[in-house]
Amino acid sequence: MRHARVLGLSCLAIAAAACAAYAQTSVTALPDNAPVQAQPLEINLAKTHWGDPQAGAAKAAPCAACHGADGNPPTPMYPRLAGQGERYISQQLALFATGQRTSGMAAVMMPFAQSLSPQEMRDVGAYFAQQKAGAGVADDSVIADGPYKGEKFYEVGQALFRGGDAKRGIPACMACHGPSGAGNPGPPYPHIGGQPQDYVVRRLQEYQAGTTAYKDPAHFQIMAQIAKPLTEQEIASLASYIQGLHDSALDAAAADAGTAPPAAAAPAPAEAPAAAEPTQQS
């Protein structure tokens, strides 16, 4: 009997030890936490002051790979930032950073823009605003057929830029962007003179499509309404004209200084406006 009791007590001890070991090694599920709530990225440019070009030069260094060190891009697929308005650049950086501007190279621009504070966006804008904008070459080949037969290709865009089309409700581009395409830093309307043709075509097509993720789409809707009635040929011609558009006063200053103009070194067409007007290169 004594051996039986000893054996029984041993079994109980073993069972208790096994239970304790199981309790120590078993996994107890923790209660689920509440889902993570991502905070929206808000950028308030209203709390900034005018940008510092010197501070902006350092922050703009990564831009050189696509837009050129001075904002004049080495390839026509990227927009020209030289001479662009400070407020416009900072606003576009804010749109990239907040995911509201999604077209083109937005995926590349977003992380760069998100690395900048609102004030640094103003600084980058101030740097590029002080750079001299160049210009490209407009197409002066003669149109062979269609409604604009016999006209030089850029002349179709020139007429729209300078006079619009009242019958279709298209205002003159220069009403907002200026006769040389230098823009208006107040509203702010961008500097479009000298912008690469491919880039201008893409942007006009995006406006024509009429879809945007902008939280404040007022300016986008203005451009969408203007671009909607344009034909494919008119968009291409307008983009060509804008590509060669620049202030001819820069040519005069360069000639006086004995240096090449910032625009492409090509003669202007015989029909180019007078020196006080923006010049269109061929």
C-alpha atoms as a PDB file:
ATOM      1  CA  MET A   1       0.000   0.000   0.000  1.00  0.00           C
ATOM      2  CA  ARG A   2       2.810   2.341   0.900  1.00  0.00           C
ATOM      3  CA  HIS A   3       4.373   1.759  -2.510  1.00  0.00           C
ATOM      4  CA  ALA A   4       1.050   2.445  -4.175  1.00  0.00           C
ATOM      5  CA  ARG A   5       0.668   5.714  -2.331  1.00  0.00           C
ATOM      6  CA  VAL A   6       4.210   6.723  -3.247  1.00  0.00           C
ATOM      7  CA  LEU A   7       3.553   5.851  -6.877  1.00  0.00           C
ATOM      8  CA  GLY A   8       0.313   7.842  -6.848  1.00  0.00           C
ATOM      9  CA  LEU A   9       1.991  10.870  -5.345  1.00  0.00           C
ATOM     10  CA  SER A  10       4.774  10.637  -7.957  1.00  0.00           C
ATOM     11  CA  CYS A  11       2.234  10.563 -10.767  1.00  0.00           C
ATOM     12  CA  LEU A  12       0.494  13.621  -9.372  1.00  0.00           C
ATOM     13  CA  ALA A  13       3.814  15.456  -9.124  1.00  0.00           C
ATOM     14  CA  ILE A  14       4.695  14.556 -12.711  1.00  0.00           C
ATOM     15  CA  ALA A  15       1.281  15.680 -13.950  1.00  0.00           C
ATOM     16  CA  ALA A  16       1.579  18.983 -12.087  1.00  0.00           C
ATOM     17  CA  ALA A  17       5.039  19.600 -13.542  1.00  0.00           C
ATOM     18  CA  ALA A  18       3.762  18.836 -17.040  1.00  0.00           C
ATOM     19  CA  CYS A  19       0.887  21.273 -16.616  1.00  0.00           C
ATOM     20  CA  ALA A  20       3.267  23.962 -15.403  1.00  0.00           C
ATOM     21  CA  ALA A  21       5.596  23.370 -18.369  1.00  0.00           C
ATOM     22  CA  TYR A  22       2.692  23.544 -20.833  1.00  0.00           C
ATOM     23  CA  ALA A  23       1.469  26.766 -19.256  1.00  0.00           C
ATOM     24  CA  GLN A  24       4.929  28.291 -19.614  1.00  0.00           C
ATOM     25  CA  THR A  25       5.363  27.299 -23.265  1.00  0.00           C
ATOM     26  CA  SER A  26       1.881  27.836 -24.657  1.00  0.00           C
ATOM     27  CA  VAL A  27       1.229  31.030 -26.671  1.00  0.00           C
ATOM     28  CA  THR A  28      -1.551  33.304 -25.518  1.00  0.00           C
ATOM     29  CA  ALA A  29      -2.953  35.532 -28.278  1.00  0.00           C
ATOM     30  CA  LEU A  30      -2.929  39.227 -27.497  1.00  0.00           C
ATOM     31  CA  PRO A  31      -6.027  41.282 -28.242  1.00  0.00           C
ATOM     32  CA  ASP A  32      -6.036  42.972 -31.654  1.00  0.00           C
ATOM     33  CA  ASN A  33      -5.002  46.595 -31.669  1.00  0.00           C
ATOM     34  CA  ALA A  34      -7.106  49.192 -33.421  1.00  0.00           C
ATOM     35  CA  PRO A  35      -6.217  49.667 -37.128  1.00  0.00           C
ATOM     36  CA  VAL A  36      -3.415  52.130 -37.781  1.00  0.00           C
ATOM     37  CA  GLN A  37      -4.839  55.458 -38.915  1.00  0.00           C
ATOM     38  CA  ALA A  38      -2.549  57.157 -41.431  1.00  0.00           C
ATOM     39  CA  GLN A  39      -2.394  60.875 -40.902  1.00  0.00           C
ATOM     40  CA  PRO A  40      -2.877  62.867 -44.110  1.00  0.00           C
ATOM     41  CA  LEU A  41       0.126  64.915 -45.160  1.00  0.00           C
ATOM     42  CA  GLU A  42      -0.837  68.563 -44.962  1.00  0.00           C
ATOM     43  CA  ILE A  43       1.364  71.322 -46.326  1.00  0.00           C
ATOM     44  CA  ASN A  44       0.518  74.890 -45.444  1.00  0.00           C
ATOM     45  CA  LEU A  45       2.459  77.261 -47.669  1.00  0.00           C
ATOM     46  CA  ALA A  46       0.563  80.177 -46.160  1.00  0.00           C
ATOM     47  CA  LYS A  47       2.787  79.904 -43.087  1.00  0.00           C
ATOM     48  CA  THR A  48       5.969  80.358 -45.102  1.00  0.00           C
ATOM     49  CA  HIS A  49       7.864  83.488 -46.111  1.00  0.00           C
ATOM     50  CA  TRP A  50       9.583  84.381 -49.375  1.00  0.00           C
ATOM     51  CA  GLY A  51      12.158  81.806 -50.370  1.00  0.00           C
ATOM     52  CA  ASP A  52      15.922  82.053 -49.969  1.00  0.00           C
ATOM     53  CA  PRO A  53      17.628  81.313 -53.333  1.00  0.00           C
ATOM     54  CA  GLN A  54      20.929  80.376 -51.684  1.00  0.00           C
ATOM     55  CA  ALA A  55      19.255  77.860 -49.395  1.00  0.00           C
ATOM     56  CA  GLY A  56      17.212  76.634 -52.348  1.00  0.00           C
ATOM     57  CA  ALA A  57      20.332  75.998 -54.454  1.00  0.00           C
ATOM     58  CA  ALA A  58      21.482  73.268 -52.071  1.00  0.00           C
ATOM     59  CA  LYS A  59      18.044  71.682 -51.833  1.00  0.00           C
ATOM     60  CA  ALA A  60      17.639  71.802 -55.623  1.00  0.00           C
ATOM     61  CA  ALA A  61      20.806  69.793 -56.300  1.00  0.00           C
ATOM     62  CA  PRO A  62      18.901  66.507 -56.895  1.00  0.00           C
ATOM     63  CA  CYS A  63      16.757  68.288 -59.521  1.00  0.00           C
ATOM     64  CA  ALA A  64      19.751  68.636 -61.838  1.00  0.00           C
ATOM     65  CA  ALA A  65      19.536  65.030 -63.040  1.00  0.00           C
ATOM     66  CA  CYS A  66      16.276  65.694 -64.896  1.00  0.00           C
ATOM     67  CA  HIS A  67      15.791  69.471 -65.006  1.00  0.00           C
ATOM     68  CA  GLY A  68      19.401  70.607 -65.403  1.00  0.00           C
ATOM     69  CA  ALA A  69      21.571  72.347 -62.824  1.00  0.00           C
ATOM     70  CA  ASP A  70      20.067  75.735 -63.702  1.00  0.00           C
ATOM     71  CA  GLY A  71      16.570  74.462 -64.476  1.00  0.00           C
ATOM     72  CA  ASN A  72      17.064  74.134 -68.247  1.00  0.00           C
ATOM     73  CA  PRO A  73      16.487  70.416 -68.922  1.00  0.00           C
ATOM     74  CA  PRO A  74      18.985  68.452 -71.042  1.00  0.00           C
ATOM     75  CA  THR A  75      16.169  66.432 -72.658  1.00  0.00           C
ATOM     76  CA  PRO A  76      12.731  67.638 -73.826  1.00  0.00           C
ATOM     77  CA  MET A  77      10.716  65.180 -71.745  1.00  0.00           C
ATOM     78  CA  TYR A  78      11.185  67.240 -68.579  1.00  0.00           C
ATOM     79  CA  PRO A  79       9.770  70.720 -67.924  1.00  0.00           C
ATOM     80  CA  ARG A  80      11.918  73.836 -67.840  1.00  0.00           C
ATOM     81  CA  LEU A  81      12.155  75.220 -64.288  1.00  0.00           C
ATOM     82  CA  ALA A  82      14.490  78.144 -65.003  1.00  0.00           C
ATOM     83  CA  GLY A  83      12.599  81.408 -64.698  1.00  0.00           C
ATOM     84  CA  GLN A  84       9.540  79.690 -63.266  1.00  0.00           C
ATOM     85  CA  GLY A  85       7.639  81.550 -60.546  1.00  0.00           C
ATOM     86  CA  GLU A  86       8.566  80.773 -56.957  1.00  0.00           C
ATOM     87  CA  ARG A  87       4.986  80.380 -55.797  1.00  0.00           C
ATOM     88  CA  TYR A  88       4.084  78.128 -58.718  1.00  0.00           C
ATOM     89  CA  ILE A  89       7.023  75.780 -58.085  1.00  0.00           C
ATOM     90  CA  SER A  90       6.283  75.551 -54.362  1.00  0.00           C
ATOM     91  CA  GLN A  91       2.612  74.838 -55.064  1.00  0.00           C
ATOM     92  CA  GLN A  92       3.469  72.066 -57.516  1.00  0.00           C
ATOM     93  CA  LEU A  93       5.902  70.523 -55.031  1.00  0.00           C
ATOM     94  CA  ALA A  94       3.114  70.558 -52.453  1.00  0.00           C
ATOM     95  CA  LEU A  95       0.778  68.827 -54.920  1.00  0.00           C
ATOM     96  CA  PHE A  96       3.373  66.127 -55.581  1.00  0.00           C
ATOM     97  CA  ALA A  97       4.071  65.663 -51.870  1.00  0.00           C
ATOM     98  CA  THR A  98       0.398  65.244 -50.977  1.00  0.00           C
ATOM     99  CA  GLY A  99      -0.324  62.891 -53.860  1.00  0.00           C
ATOM    100  CA  GLN A 100      -2.662  65.287 -55.637  1.00  0.00           C
ATOM    101  CA  ARG A 101      -0.535  65.522 -58.781  1.00  0.00           C
ATOM    102  CA  THR A 102      -0.298  62.001 -60.124  1.00  0.00           C
ATOM    103  CA  SER A 103       0.614  62.243 -63.810  1.00  0.00           C
ATOM    104  CA  GLY A 104       3.927  62.126 -65.617  1.00  0.00           C
ATOM    105  CA  MET A 105       6.881  61.543 -63.301  1.00  0.00           C
ATOM    106  CA  ALA A 106       4.823  61.978 -60.125  1.00  0.00           C
ATOM    107  CA  ALA A 107       6.151  58.729 -58.634  1.00  0.00           C
ATOM    108  CA  VAL A 108       9.688  60.107 -58.921  1.00  0.00           C
ATOM    109  CA  MET A 109       8.753  63.575 -57.700  1.00  0.00           C
ATOM    110  CA  MET A 110       6.748  62.472 -54.647  1.00  0.00           C
ATOM    111  CA  PRO A 111       9.603  61.245 -52.383  1.00  0.00           C
ATOM    112  CA  PHE A 112      11.728  64.260 -53.259  1.00  0.00           C
ATOM    113  CA  ALA A 113       8.879  66.667 -52.539  1.00  0.00           C
ATOM    114  CA  GLN A 114       8.012  64.885 -49.299  1.00  0.00           C
ATOM    115  CA  SER A 115      11.592  65.367 -48.088  1.00  0.00           C
ATOM    116  CA  LEU A 116      11.128  69.152 -48.186  1.00  0.00           C
ATOM    117  CA  SER A 117       9.482  71.356 -45.598  1.00  0.00           C
ATOM    118  CA  PRO A 118       7.034  73.989 -46.878  1.00  0.00           C
ATOM    119  CA  GLN A 119       9.692  76.676 -46.462  1.00  0.00           C
ATOM    120  CA  GLU A 120      12.243  74.596 -48.342  1.00  0.00           C
ATOM    121  CA  MET A 121       9.744  74.317 -51.189  1.00  0.00           C
ATOM    122  CA  ARG A 122       9.680  78.106 -51.324  1.00  0.00           C
ATOM    123  CA  ASP A 123      13.480  78.173 -51.232  1.00  0.00           C
ATOM    124  CA  VAL A 124      13.751  75.775 -54.183  1.00  0.00           C
ATOM    125  CA  GLY A 125      11.223  77.887 -56.062  1.00  0.00           C
ATOM    126  CA  ALA A 126      13.213  81.050 -55.331  1.00  0.00           C
ATOM    127  CA  TYR A 127      16.380  79.452 -56.689  1.00  0.00           C
ATOM    128  CA  PHE A 128      14.844  78.468 -60.014  1.00  0.00           C
ATOM    129  CA  ALA A 129      12.994  81.770 -60.326  1.00  0.00           C
ATOM    130  CA  GLN A 130      16.367  83.533 -60.494  1.00  0.00           C
ATOM    131  CA  GLN A 131      17.743  81.332 -63.281  1.00  0.00           C
ATOM    132  CA  LYS A 132      17.626  82.432 -66.924  1.00  0.00           C
ATOM    133  CA  ALA A 133      15.206  80.410 -69.005  1.00  0.00           C
ATOM    134  CA  GLY A 134      16.225  79.223 -72.436  1.00  0.00           C
ATOM    135  CA  ALA A 135      13.923  78.191 -75.270  1.00  0.00           C
ATOM    136  CA  GLY A 136      13.771  75.575 -77.965  1.00  0.00           C
ATOM    137  CA  VAL A 137      12.998  75.647 -81.669  1.00  0.00           C
ATOM    138  CA  ALA A 138       9.538  75.946 -83.219  1.00  0.00           C
ATOM    139  CA  ASP A 139       8.460  74.036 -86.306  1.00  0.00           C
ATOM    140  CA  ASP A 140       8.127  76.345 -89.327  1.00  0.00           C
ATOM    141  CA  SER A 141       7.380  73.663 -91.911  1.00  0.00           C
ATOM    142  CA  VAL A 142       4.396  74.351 -94.175  1.00  0.00           C
ATOM    143  CA  ILE A 143       1.190  72.423 -93.478  1.00  0.00           C
ATOM    144  CA  ALA A 144       0.304  70.333 -96.560  1.00  0.00           C
ATOM    145  CA  ASP A 145      -3.426  69.782 -96.037  1.00  0.00           C
ATOM    146  CA  GLY A 146      -6.376  70.263 -93.715  1.00  0.00           C
ATOM    147  CA  PRO A 147      -7.994  73.439 -92.401  1.00  0.00           C
ATOM    148  CA  TYR A 148      -4.616  75.136 -91.915  1.00  0.00           C
ATOM    149  CA  LYS A 149      -3.138  74.208 -95.302  1.00  0.00           C
ATOM    150  CA  GLY A 150      -0.413  76.592 -96.448  1.00  0.00           C
ATOM    151  CA  GLU A 151       0.332  77.989 -92.970  1.00  0.00           C
ATOM    152  CA  LYS A 152       3.584  77.369 -91.151  1.00  0.00           C
ATOM    153  CA  PHE A 153       3.043  74.830 -88.409  1.00  0.00           C
ATOM    154  CA  TYR A 154       3.866  77.133 -85.490  1.00  0.00           C
ATOM    155  CA  GLU A 155       1.559  79.878 -86.857  1.00  0.00           C
ATOM    156  CA  VAL A 156      -1.554  77.918 -85.867  1.00  0.00           C
ATOM    157  CA  GLY A 157      -0.398  77.895 -82.269  1.00  0.00           C
ATOM    158  CA  GLN A 158       0.777  81.491 -82.489  1.00  0.00           C
ATOM    159  CA  ALA A 159      -2.732  82.639 -83.463  1.00  0.00           C
ATOM    160  CA  LEU A 160      -4.280  80.767 -80.534  1.00  0.00           C
ATOM    161  CA  PHE A 161      -1.650  81.978 -78.086  1.00  0.00           C
ATOM    162  CA  ARG A 162      -1.973  85.631 -79.063  1.00  0.00           C
ATOM    163  CA  GLY A 163      -5.632  85.885 -80.087  1.00  0.00           C
ATOM    164  CA  GLY A 164      -7.495  82.775 -78.979  1.00  0.00           C
ATOM    165  CA  ASP A 165     -10.654  81.730 -80.820  1.00  0.00           C
ATOM    166  CA  ALA A 166     -13.747  83.669 -79.757  1.00  0.00           C
ATOM    167  CA  LYS A 167     -16.108  81.428 -81.742  1.00  0.00           C
ATOM    168  CA  ARG A 168     -15.082  78.419 -79.663  1.00  0.00           C
ATOM    169  CA  GLY A 169     -14.701  80.293 -76.405  1.00  0.00           C
ATOM    170  CA  ILE A 170     -10.913  79.943 -76.319  1.00  0.00           C
ATOM    171  CA  PRO A 171      -9.192  82.970 -74.756  1.00  0.00           C
ATOM    172  CA  ALA A 172      -5.719  84.081 -75.773  1.00  0.00           C
ATOM    173  CA  CYS A 173      -3.068  82.210 -73.782  1.00  0.00           C
ATOM    174  CA  MET A 174      -1.106  85.417 -73.305  1.00  0.00           C
ATOM    175  CA  ALA A 175      -3.999  86.914 -71.324  1.00  0.00           C
ATOM    176  CA  CYS A 176      -2.817  84.864 -68.338  1.00  0.00           C
ATOM    177  CA  HIS A 177       0.695  83.785 -69.291  1.00  0.00           C
ATOM    178  CA  GLY A 178       1.910  87.068 -70.813  1.00  0.00           C
ATOM    179  CA  PRO A 179       3.012  87.899 -74.373  1.00  0.00           C
ATOM    180  CA  SER A 180       6.382  86.199 -73.865  1.00  0.00           C
ATOM    181  CA  GLY A 181       4.960  83.328 -71.857  1.00  0.00           C
ATOM    182  CA  ALA A 182       6.672  84.568 -68.686  1.00  0.00           C
ATOM    183  CA  GLY A 183       3.558  83.951 -66.598  1.00  0.00           C
ATOM    184  CA  ASN A 184       2.107  85.923 -63.734  1.00  0.00           C
ATOM    185  CA  PRO A 185       3.603  85.274 -60.268  1.00  0.00           C
ATOM    186  CA  GLY A 186       0.544  86.719 -58.536  1.00  0.00           C
ATOM    187  CA  PRO A 187      -2.295  84.216 -59.215  1.00  0.00           C
ATOM    188  CA  PRO A 188       0.167  82.297 -59.802  1.00  0.00           C
ATOM    189  CA  TYR A 189       0.145  81.446 -63.523  1.00  0.00           C
ATOM    190  CA  PRO A 190       3.242  79.571 -64.716  1.00  0.00           C
ATOM    191  CA  HIS A 191       6.030  80.614 -67.013  1.00  0.00           C
ATOM    192  CA  ILE A 192       5.357  78.554 -70.145  1.00  0.00           C
ATOM    193  CA  GLY A 193       7.600  80.260 -72.717  1.00  0.00           C
ATOM    194  CA  GLY A 194      10.333  77.860 -73.847  1.00  0.00           C
ATOM    195  CA  GLN A 195       8.718  74.776 -72.333  1.00  0.00           C
ATOM    196  CA  PRO A 196       9.564  71.611 -74.316  1.00  0.00           C
ATOM    197  CA  GLN A 197       6.933  70.699 -76.897  1.00  0.00           C
ATOM    198  CA  ASP A 198       6.479  67.115 -75.681  1.00  0.00           C
ATOM    199  CA  TYR A 199       5.837  68.304 -72.135  1.00  0.00           C
ATOM    200  CA  VAL A 200       3.337  70.967 -73.234  1.00  0.00           C
ATOM    201  CA  VAL A 201       1.449  68.440 -75.384  1.00  0.00           C
ATOM    202  CA  ARG A 202       1.173  66.016 -72.462  1.00  0.00           C
ATOM    203  CA  ARG A 203      -0.064  68.671 -70.059  1.00  0.00           C
ATOM    204  CA  LEU A 204      -2.655  69.988 -72.522  1.00  0.00           C
ATOM    205  CA  GLN A 205      -3.881  66.436 -73.099  1.00  0.00           C
ATOM    206  CA  GLU A 206      -4.218  65.958 -69.340  1.00  0.00           C
ATOM    207  CA  TYR A 207      -6.253  69.146 -69.083  1.00  0.00           C
ATOM    208  CA  GLN A 208      -8.333  68.051 -72.057  1.00  0.00           C
ATOM    209  CA  ALA A 209      -9.124  64.747 -70.325  1.00  0.00           C
ATOM    210  CA  GLY A 210     -10.571  66.828 -67.504  1.00  0.00           C
ATOM    211  CA  THR A 211      -9.802  64.514 -64.564  1.00  0.00           C
ATOM    212  CA  THR A 212      -7.806  65.610 -61.539  1.00  0.00           C
ATOM    213  CA  ALA A 213      -7.166  64.706 -57.899  1.00  0.00           C
ATOM    214  CA  TYR A 214      -6.580  68.323 -56.872  1.00  0.00           C
ATOM    215  CA  LYS A 215      -8.443  69.307 -53.721  1.00  0.00           C
ATOM    216  CA  ASP A 216      -8.695  72.834 -55.105  1.00  0.00           C
ATOM    217  CA  PRO A 217      -9.219  72.292 -58.848  1.00  0.00           C
ATOM    218  CA  ALA A 218     -10.124  75.887 -59.795  1.00  0.00           C
ATOM    219  CA  HIS A 219      -7.056  76.554 -61.957  1.00  0.00           C
ATOM    220  CA  PHE A 220      -7.185  73.044 -63.407  1.00  0.00           C
ATOM    221  CA  GLN A 221     -10.787  73.528 -64.468  1.00  0.00           C
ATOM    222  CA  ILE A 222      -9.915  76.812 -66.198  1.00  0.00           C
ATOM    223  CA  MET A 223      -7.333  75.020 -68.306  1.00  0.00           C
ATOM    224  CA  ALA A 224      -9.604  72.010 -68.870  1.00  0.00           C
ATOM    225  CA  GLN A 225     -12.265  74.285 -70.338  1.00  0.00           C
ATOM    226  CA  ILE A 226      -9.722  75.987 -72.610  1.00  0.00           C
ATOM    227  CA  ALA A 227      -8.088  72.758 -73.791  1.00  0.00           C
ATOM    228  CA  LYS A 228     -11.301  70.812 -74.426  1.00  0.00           C
ATOM    229  CA  PRO A 229     -12.137  72.198 -77.914  1.00  0.00           C
ATOM    230  CA  LEU A 230      -8.557  72.051 -79.234  1.00  0.00           C
ATOM    231  CA  THR A 231      -7.782  69.574 -81.981  1.00  0.00           C
ATOM    232  CA  GLU A 232      -4.765  67.273 -81.892  1.00  0.00           C
ATOM    233  CA  GLN A 233      -3.063  69.399 -84.545  1.00  0.00           C
ATOM    234  CA  GLU A 234      -3.777  72.623 -82.654  1.00  0.00           C
ATOM    235  CA  ILE A 235      -2.331  71.196 -79.444  1.00  0.00           C
ATOM    236  CA  ALA A 236       0.841  70.128 -81.240  1.00  0.00           C
ATOM    237  CA  SER A 237       1.174  73.493 -82.996  1.00  0.00           C
ATOM    238  CA  LEU A 238       0.532  75.466 -79.800  1.00  0.00           C
ATOM    239  CA  ALA A 239       3.152  73.388 -78.015  1.00  0.00           C
ATOM    240  CA  SER A 240       5.612  74.018 -80.840  1.00  0.00           C
ATOM    241  CA  TYR A 241       5.022  77.765 -80.705  1.00  0.00           C
ATOM    242  CA  ILE A 242       5.432  77.804 -76.919  1.00  0.00           C
ATOM    243  CA  GLN A 243       8.655  75.789 -77.184  1.00  0.00           C
ATOM    244  CA  GLY A 244      10.295  78.575 -79.196  1.00  0.00           C
ATOM    245  CA  LEU A 245       8.683  81.468 -77.331  1.00  0.00           C
ATOM    246  CA  HIS A 246      10.908  83.826 -75.371  1.00  0.00           C
ATOM    247  CA  ASP A 247      11.417  87.517 -74.745  1.00  0.00           C
ATOM    248  CA  SER A 248      13.345  88.990 -77.673  1.00  0.00           C
ATOM    249  CA  ALA A 249      14.860  91.549 -75.317  1.00  0.00           C
ATOM    250  CA  LEU A 250      17.106  88.704 -74.140  1.00  0.00           C
ATOM    251  CA  ASP A 251      18.362  88.288 -77.704  1.00  0.00           C
ATOM    252  CA  ALA A 252      19.138  91.989 -77.933  1.00  0.00           C
ATOM    253  CA  ALA A 253      20.982  91.935 -74.612  1.00  0.00           C
ATOM    254  CA  ALA A 254      22.957  88.864 -75.666  1.00  0.00           C
ATOM    255  CA  ALA A 255      23.868  90.498 -78.985  1.00  0.00           C
ATOM    256  CA  ASP A 256      25.095  93.625 -77.192  1.00  0.00           C
ATOM    257  CA  ALA A 257      27.189  91.485 -74.884  1.00  0.00           C
ATOM    258  CA  GLY A 258      28.543  89.428 -77.774  1.00  0.00           C
ATOM    259  CA  THR A 259      27.207  86.174 -76.346  1.00  0.00           C
ATOM    260  CA  ALA A 260      24.773  83.567 -77.606  1.00  0.00           C
ATOM    261  CA  PRO A 261      21.151  84.046 -76.571  1.00  0.00           C
ATOM    262  CA  PRO A 262      19.719  81.672 -73.964  1.00  0.00           C
ATOM    263  CA  ALA A 263      17.403  80.255 -76.626  1.00  0.00           C
ATOM    264  CA  ALA A 264      18.564  77.738 -79.175  1.00  0.00           C
ATOM    265  CA  ALA A 265      21.013  79.259 -81.640  1.00  0.00           C
ATOM    266  CA  ALA A 266      18.797  79.409 -84.716  1.00  0.00           C
ATOM    267  CA  PRO A 267      17.562  82.336 -86.794  1.00  0.00           C
ATOM    268  CA  ALA A 268      14.056  83.622 -86.107  1.00  0.00           C
ATOM    269  CA  PRO A 269      11.564  83.446 -88.982  1.00  0.00           C
ATOM    270  CA  ALA A 270      11.075  86.526 -91.105  1.00  0.00           C
ATOM    271  CA  GLU A 271       7.605  86.988 -89.608  1.00  0.00           C
ATOM    272  CA  ALA A 272       8.974  87.294 -86.060  1.00  0.00           C
ATOM    273  CA  PRO A 273       7.458  90.130 -83.999  1.00  0.00           C
ATOM    274  CA  ALA A 274       9.325  93.335 -83.311  1.00  0.00           C
ATOM    275  CA  ALA A 275      11.965  93.514 -80.601  1.00  0.00           C
ATOM    276  CA  ALA A 276       9.497  94.596 -77.942  1.00  0.00           C
ATOM    277  CA  GLU A 277       7.443  91.457 -78.485  1.00  0.00           C
ATOM    278  CA  PRO A 278       8.261  87.826 -77.657  1.00  0.00           C
ATOM    279  CA  THR A 279      10.270  86.165 -80.396  1.00  0.00           C
ATOM    280  CA  GLN A 280       9.393  82.841 -81.965  1.00  0.00           C
ATOM    281  CA  GLN A 281      12.317  80.846 -83.292  1.00  0.00           C
ATOM    282  CA  SER A 282      12.128  78.549 -86.282  1.00  0.00           C
END
